[in-house]
């Protein structure tokens, strides 16, 4: 005779319809999705501010590096290097021995202090010995009104980036 006795470790009850045998229920997935989207919505403004801060920092560092590279290039190649900053738009042109070599456009969120650049700081020219003939301060601002200052000292030709500050 064949035994039809069910082993004691197997349940004969049907699972409750709200409990899945494997995985998560739709309700659990929706609650998790809601919590994650709420967390993202709360942190998004902070992430946006952080992104704008670093965008300003990177733009100022890029300009300072370009100035230093042009100064070294003028000295090592015995040629004239110039950086022409557009007075009304945050972009600059690169010139070598009077020939245009390129243009760099800064991000749209970056602008100059008061919306324009002073004429005295619009052209940085490094002669064949690397000596600067034009200096001044360039202050870049982002939409959060944070500022990044670049000082180029005429007497020494030193390019100083002072970081981002409120």
C-alpha atoms as a PDB file:
ATOM      1  CA  UNK A   1       0.000   0.000   0.000  1.00  0.00           C
ATOM      2  CA  UNK A   2       1.232   3.480  -0.865  1.00  0.00           C
ATOM      3  CA  UNK A   3       1.379   5.981   1.953  1.00  0.00           C
ATOM      4  CA  UNK A   4      -0.275   9.359   1.265  1.00  0.00           C
ATOM      5  CA  UNK A   5       0.899  10.957   4.445  1.00  0.00           C
ATOM      6  CA  UNK A   6       2.313  14.451   3.901  1.00  0.00           C
ATOM      7  CA  UNK A   7       5.670  15.091   5.584  1.00  0.00           C
ATOM      8  CA  UNK A   8       5.464  17.436   8.572  1.00  0.00           C
ATOM      9  CA  UNK A   9       7.844  20.045   7.109  1.00  0.00           C
ATOM     10  CA  UNK A  10       5.554  20.865   4.138  1.00  0.00           C
ATOM     11  CA  UNK A  11       2.644  23.241   4.744  1.00  0.00           C
ATOM     12  CA  UNK A  12      -0.694  22.542   3.117  1.00  0.00           C
ATOM     13  CA  UNK A  13      -2.049  26.031   3.740  1.00  0.00           C
ATOM     14  CA  UNK A  14      -2.349  28.414   0.840  1.00  0.00           C
ATOM     15  CA  UNK A  15      -0.240  31.580   1.239  1.00  0.00           C
ATOM     16  CA  UNK A  16      -2.063  34.795   2.045  1.00  0.00           C
ATOM     17  CA  UNK A  17      -2.731  36.753  -1.167  1.00  0.00           C
ATOM     18  CA  UNK A  18      -0.786  39.826   0.106  1.00  0.00           C
ATOM     19  CA  UNK A  19       2.311  37.786   0.898  1.00  0.00           C
ATOM     20  CA  UNK A  20       4.457  36.696  -1.974  1.00  0.00           C
ATOM     21  CA  UNK A  21       6.230  33.395  -1.780  1.00  0.00           C
ATOM     22  CA  UNK A  22       9.411  34.926  -3.168  1.00  0.00           C
ATOM     23  CA  UNK A  23      10.474  38.586  -3.550  1.00  0.00           C
ATOM     24  CA  UNK A  24       8.657  41.751  -2.536  1.00  0.00           C
ATOM     25  CA  UNK A  25       5.056  42.802  -2.842  1.00  0.00           C
ATOM     26  CA  UNK A  26       3.979  45.676  -5.024  1.00  0.00           C
ATOM     27  CA  UNK A  27       3.194  47.737  -1.933  1.00  0.00           C
ATOM     28  CA  UNK A  28       6.714  47.251  -0.544  1.00  0.00           C
ATOM     29  CA  UNK A  29       8.249  48.272  -3.861  1.00  0.00           C
ATOM     30  CA  UNK A  30       6.062  51.394  -4.087  1.00  0.00           C
ATOM     31  CA  UNK A  31       6.921  52.467  -0.526  1.00  0.00           C
ATOM     32  CA  UNK A  32      10.637  52.010  -1.265  1.00  0.00           C
ATOM     33  CA  UNK A  33      10.343  53.991  -4.490  1.00  0.00           C
ATOM     34  CA  UNK A  34       8.502  56.792  -2.664  1.00  0.00           C
ATOM     35  CA  UNK A  35      11.150  56.982   0.070  1.00  0.00           C
ATOM     36  CA  UNK A  36      14.016  57.084  -2.426  1.00  0.00           C
ATOM     37  CA  UNK A  37      12.366  59.782  -4.533  1.00  0.00           C
ATOM     38  CA  UNK A  38      11.668  61.864  -1.396  1.00  0.00           C
ATOM     39  CA  UNK A  39      15.305  61.558  -0.354  1.00  0.00           C
ATOM     40  CA  UNK A  40      16.469  62.626  -3.823  1.00  0.00           C
ATOM     41  CA  UNK A  41      14.063  65.599  -3.827  1.00  0.00           C
ATOM     42  CA  UNK A  42      15.484  66.801  -0.506  1.00  0.00           C
ATOM     43  CA  UNK A  43      19.143  66.469  -1.542  1.00  0.00           C
ATOM     44  CA  UNK A  44      18.854  67.825  -5.100  1.00  0.00           C
ATOM     45  CA  UNK A  45      19.175  71.548  -4.165  1.00  0.00           C
ATOM     46  CA  UNK A  46      22.319  70.819  -2.150  1.00  0.00           C
ATOM     47  CA  UNK A  47      23.806  68.842  -5.010  1.00  0.00           C
ATOM     48  CA  UNK A  48      23.026  71.664  -7.425  1.00  0.00           C
ATOM     49  CA  UNK A  49      24.787  74.213  -5.174  1.00  0.00           C
ATOM     50  CA  UNK A  50      27.759  71.890  -4.825  1.00  0.00           C
ATOM     51  CA  UNK A  51      27.946  71.453  -8.608  1.00  0.00           C
ATOM     52  CA  UNK A  52      27.880  75.240  -9.180  1.00  0.00           C
ATOM     53  CA  UNK A  53      30.600  75.717  -6.556  1.00  0.00           C
ATOM     54  CA  UNK A  54      32.904  73.214  -8.242  1.00  0.00           C
ATOM     55  CA  UNK A  55      32.076  74.531 -11.705  1.00  0.00           C
ATOM     56  CA  UNK A  56      33.298  77.984 -10.621  1.00  0.00           C
ATOM     57  CA  UNK A  57      36.398  76.507  -9.000  1.00  0.00           C
ATOM     58  CA  UNK A  58      37.281  74.480 -12.094  1.00  0.00           C
ATOM     59  CA  UNK A  59      36.742  77.459 -14.428  1.00  0.00           C
ATOM     60  CA  UNK A  60      38.996  79.720 -12.347  1.00  0.00           C
ATOM     61  CA  UNK A  61      41.682  77.045 -12.055  1.00  0.00           C
ATOM     62  CA  UNK A  62      41.520  76.476 -15.806  1.00  0.00           C
ATOM     63  CA  UNK A  63      42.082  80.181 -16.497  1.00  0.00           C
ATOM     64  CA  UNK A  64      44.937  80.381 -13.962  1.00  0.00           C
ATOM     65  CA  UNK A  65      46.575  77.311 -15.480  1.00  0.00           C
ATOM     66  CA  UNK A  66      46.227  78.769 -18.973  1.00  0.00           C
ATOM     67  CA  UNK A  67      47.924  81.983 -17.822  1.00  0.00           C
ATOM     68  CA  UNK A  68      50.797  80.082 -16.209  1.00  0.00           C
ATOM     69  CA  UNK A  69      51.220  77.827 -19.247  1.00  0.00           C
ATOM     70  CA  UNK A  70      51.279  80.810 -21.600  1.00  0.00           C
ATOM     71  CA  UNK A  71      53.868  82.523 -19.441  1.00  0.00           C
ATOM     72  CA  UNK A  72      56.105  79.440 -19.461  1.00  0.00           C
ATOM     73  CA  UNK A  73      55.564  78.928 -23.183  1.00  0.00           C
ATOM     74  CA  UNK A  74      56.509  82.542 -23.931  1.00  0.00           C
ATOM     75  CA  UNK A  75      59.695  82.150 -21.919  1.00  0.00           C
ATOM     76  CA  UNK A  76      60.707  78.733 -23.282  1.00  0.00           C
ATOM     77  CA  UNK A  77      59.887  79.413 -26.954  1.00  0.00           C
ATOM     78  CA  UNK A  78      60.850  83.100 -26.955  1.00  0.00           C
ATOM     79  CA  UNK A  79      57.538  84.145 -28.450  1.00  0.00           C
ATOM     80  CA  UNK A  80      54.642  86.371 -27.418  1.00  0.00           C
ATOM     81  CA  UNK A  81      51.621  84.751 -25.755  1.00  0.00           C
ATOM     82  CA  UNK A  82      48.401  86.655 -25.138  1.00  0.00           C
ATOM     83  CA  UNK A  83      45.119  85.917 -23.445  1.00  0.00           C
ATOM     84  CA  UNK A  84      42.300  88.242 -24.469  1.00  0.00           C
ATOM     85  CA  UNK A  85      39.359  88.081 -22.118  1.00  0.00           C
ATOM     86  CA  UNK A  86      36.068  89.076 -23.680  1.00  0.00           C
ATOM     87  CA  UNK A  87      34.877  92.006 -21.571  1.00  0.00           C
ATOM     88  CA  UNK A  88      31.173  91.151 -21.681  1.00  0.00           C
ATOM     89  CA  UNK A  89      31.004  87.359 -22.021  1.00  0.00           C
ATOM     90  CA  UNK A  90      32.922  84.872 -19.880  1.00  0.00           C
ATOM     91  CA  UNK A  91      35.245  83.565 -22.554  1.00  0.00           C
ATOM     92  CA  UNK A  92      38.786  84.213 -23.676  1.00  0.00           C
ATOM     93  CA  UNK A  93      40.911  83.943 -26.792  1.00  0.00           C
ATOM     94  CA  UNK A  94      44.441  82.614 -27.042  1.00  0.00           C
ATOM     95  CA  UNK A  95      47.007  84.312 -29.288  1.00  0.00           C
ATOM     96  CA  UNK A  96      50.599  83.377 -30.127  1.00  0.00           C
ATOM     97  CA  UNK A  97      52.836  85.828 -31.979  1.00  0.00           C
ATOM     98  CA  UNK A  98      49.769  87.719 -33.175  1.00  0.00           C
ATOM     99  CA  UNK A  99      48.072  84.582 -34.517  1.00  0.00           C
ATOM    100  CA  UNK A 100      44.763  83.354 -33.115  1.00  0.00           C
ATOM    101  CA  UNK A 101      45.198  79.843 -31.665  1.00  0.00           C
ATOM    102  CA  UNK A 102      41.877  79.157 -29.962  1.00  0.00           C
ATOM    103  CA  UNK A 103      38.996  80.272 -27.824  1.00  0.00           C
ATOM    104  CA  UNK A 104      37.793  78.980 -24.468  1.00  0.00           C
ATOM    105  CA  UNK A 105      34.194  79.544 -23.408  1.00  0.00           C
ATOM    106  CA  UNK A 106      33.425  79.329 -19.723  1.00  0.00           C
ATOM    107  CA  UNK A 107      30.144  77.733 -18.551  1.00  0.00           C
ATOM    108  CA  UNK A 108      26.963  79.790 -18.901  1.00  0.00           C
ATOM    109  CA  UNK A 109      26.558  79.948 -15.120  1.00  0.00           C
ATOM    110  CA  UNK A 110      29.833  81.890 -14.773  1.00  0.00           C
ATOM    111  CA  UNK A 111      30.054  85.656 -15.210  1.00  0.00           C
ATOM    112  CA  UNK A 112      32.387  88.528 -14.370  1.00  0.00           C
ATOM    113  CA  UNK A 113      31.852  90.822 -11.395  1.00  0.00           C
ATOM    114  CA  UNK A 114      29.283  93.505 -12.350  1.00  0.00           C
ATOM    115  CA  UNK A 115      28.664  91.635 -15.615  1.00  0.00           C
ATOM    116  CA  UNK A 116      31.773  92.908 -17.392  1.00  0.00           C
ATOM    117  CA  UNK A 117      35.537  93.008 -17.099  1.00  0.00           C
ATOM    118  CA  UNK A 118      37.556  96.152 -16.451  1.00  0.00           C
ATOM    119  CA  UNK A 119      39.607  97.243 -19.496  1.00  0.00           C
ATOM    120  CA  UNK A 120      42.860  97.088 -17.526  1.00  0.00           C
ATOM    121  CA  UNK A 121      42.437  93.347 -16.964  1.00  0.00           C
ATOM    122  CA  UNK A 122      41.110  92.429 -20.408  1.00  0.00           C
ATOM    123  CA  UNK A 123      44.456  91.443 -21.992  1.00  0.00           C
ATOM    124  CA  UNK A 124      47.291  89.489 -20.414  1.00  0.00           C
ATOM    125  CA  UNK A 125      50.403  89.583 -22.604  1.00  0.00           C
ATOM    126  CA  UNK A 126      53.594  87.650 -21.931  1.00  0.00           C
ATOM    127  CA  UNK A 127      56.551  88.823 -24.006  1.00  0.00           C
ATOM    128  CA  UNK A 128      59.390  86.654 -25.324  1.00  0.00           C
ATOM    129  CA  UNK A 129      61.089  86.598 -21.910  1.00  0.00           C
ATOM    130  CA  UNK A 130      57.887  85.651 -20.071  1.00  0.00           C
ATOM    131  CA  UNK A 131      57.469  89.132 -18.597  1.00  0.00           C
ATOM    132  CA  UNK A 132      53.882  90.253 -18.151  1.00  0.00           C
ATOM    133  CA  UNK A 133      52.770  93.496 -19.797  1.00  0.00           C
ATOM    134  CA  UNK A 134      49.339  93.942 -18.279  1.00  0.00           C
ATOM    135  CA  UNK A 135      47.927  92.710 -15.038  1.00  0.00           C
ATOM    136  CA  UNK A 136      45.030  93.023 -12.719  1.00  0.00           C
ATOM    137  CA  UNK A 137      42.287  91.057 -11.099  1.00  0.00           C
ATOM    138  CA  UNK A 138      39.692  88.831 -12.708  1.00  0.00           C
ATOM    139  CA  UNK A 139      36.734  87.984 -10.487  1.00  0.00           C
ATOM    140  CA  UNK A 140      34.418  85.245 -11.677  1.00  0.00           C
ATOM    141  CA  UNK A 141      30.980  84.796 -10.112  1.00  0.00           C
ATOM    142  CA  UNK A 142      28.443  82.004 -10.250  1.00  0.00           C
ATOM    143  CA  UNK A 143      24.669  82.233  -9.840  1.00  0.00           C
ATOM    144  CA  UNK A 144      25.024  81.703  -6.092  1.00  0.00           C
ATOM    145  CA  UNK A 145      27.115  84.925  -6.003  1.00  0.00           C
ATOM    146  CA  UNK A 146      30.195  82.978  -4.923  1.00  0.00           C
ATOM    147  CA  UNK A 147      33.377  84.542  -6.266  1.00  0.00           C
ATOM    148  CA  UNK A 148      36.723  83.244  -7.479  1.00  0.00           C
ATOM    149  CA  UNK A 149      39.556  85.767  -7.728  1.00  0.00           C
ATOM    150  CA  UNK A 150      42.546  85.562 -10.032  1.00  0.00           C
ATOM    151  CA  UNK A 151      45.234  88.141  -9.344  1.00  0.00           C
ATOM    152  CA  UNK A 152      47.997  88.671 -11.868  1.00  0.00           C
ATOM    153  CA  UNK A 153      50.725  90.885 -10.449  1.00  0.00           C
ATOM    154  CA  UNK A 154      52.406  93.143 -12.973  1.00  0.00           C
ATOM    155  CA  UNK A 155      55.637  93.531 -11.011  1.00  0.00           C
ATOM    156  CA  UNK A 156      56.370  89.814 -10.651  1.00  0.00           C
ATOM    157  CA  UNK A 157      54.124  88.202 -13.276  1.00  0.00           C
ATOM    158  CA  UNK A 158      52.799  85.894 -10.597  1.00  0.00           C
ATOM    159  CA  UNK A 159      49.358  84.377 -11.158  1.00  0.00           C
ATOM    160  CA  UNK A 160      47.546  83.792  -7.873  1.00  0.00           C
ATOM    161  CA  UNK A 161      44.256  81.932  -7.572  1.00  0.00           C
ATOM    162  CA  UNK A 162      42.691  82.586  -4.194  1.00  0.00           C
ATOM    163  CA  UNK A 163      39.918  79.992  -4.307  1.00  0.00           C
ATOM    164  CA  UNK A 164      36.144  80.282  -4.156  1.00  0.00           C
ATOM    165  CA  UNK A 165      34.648  82.458  -1.434  1.00  0.00           C
ATOM    166  CA  UNK A 166      31.135  83.738  -0.657  1.00  0.00           C
END
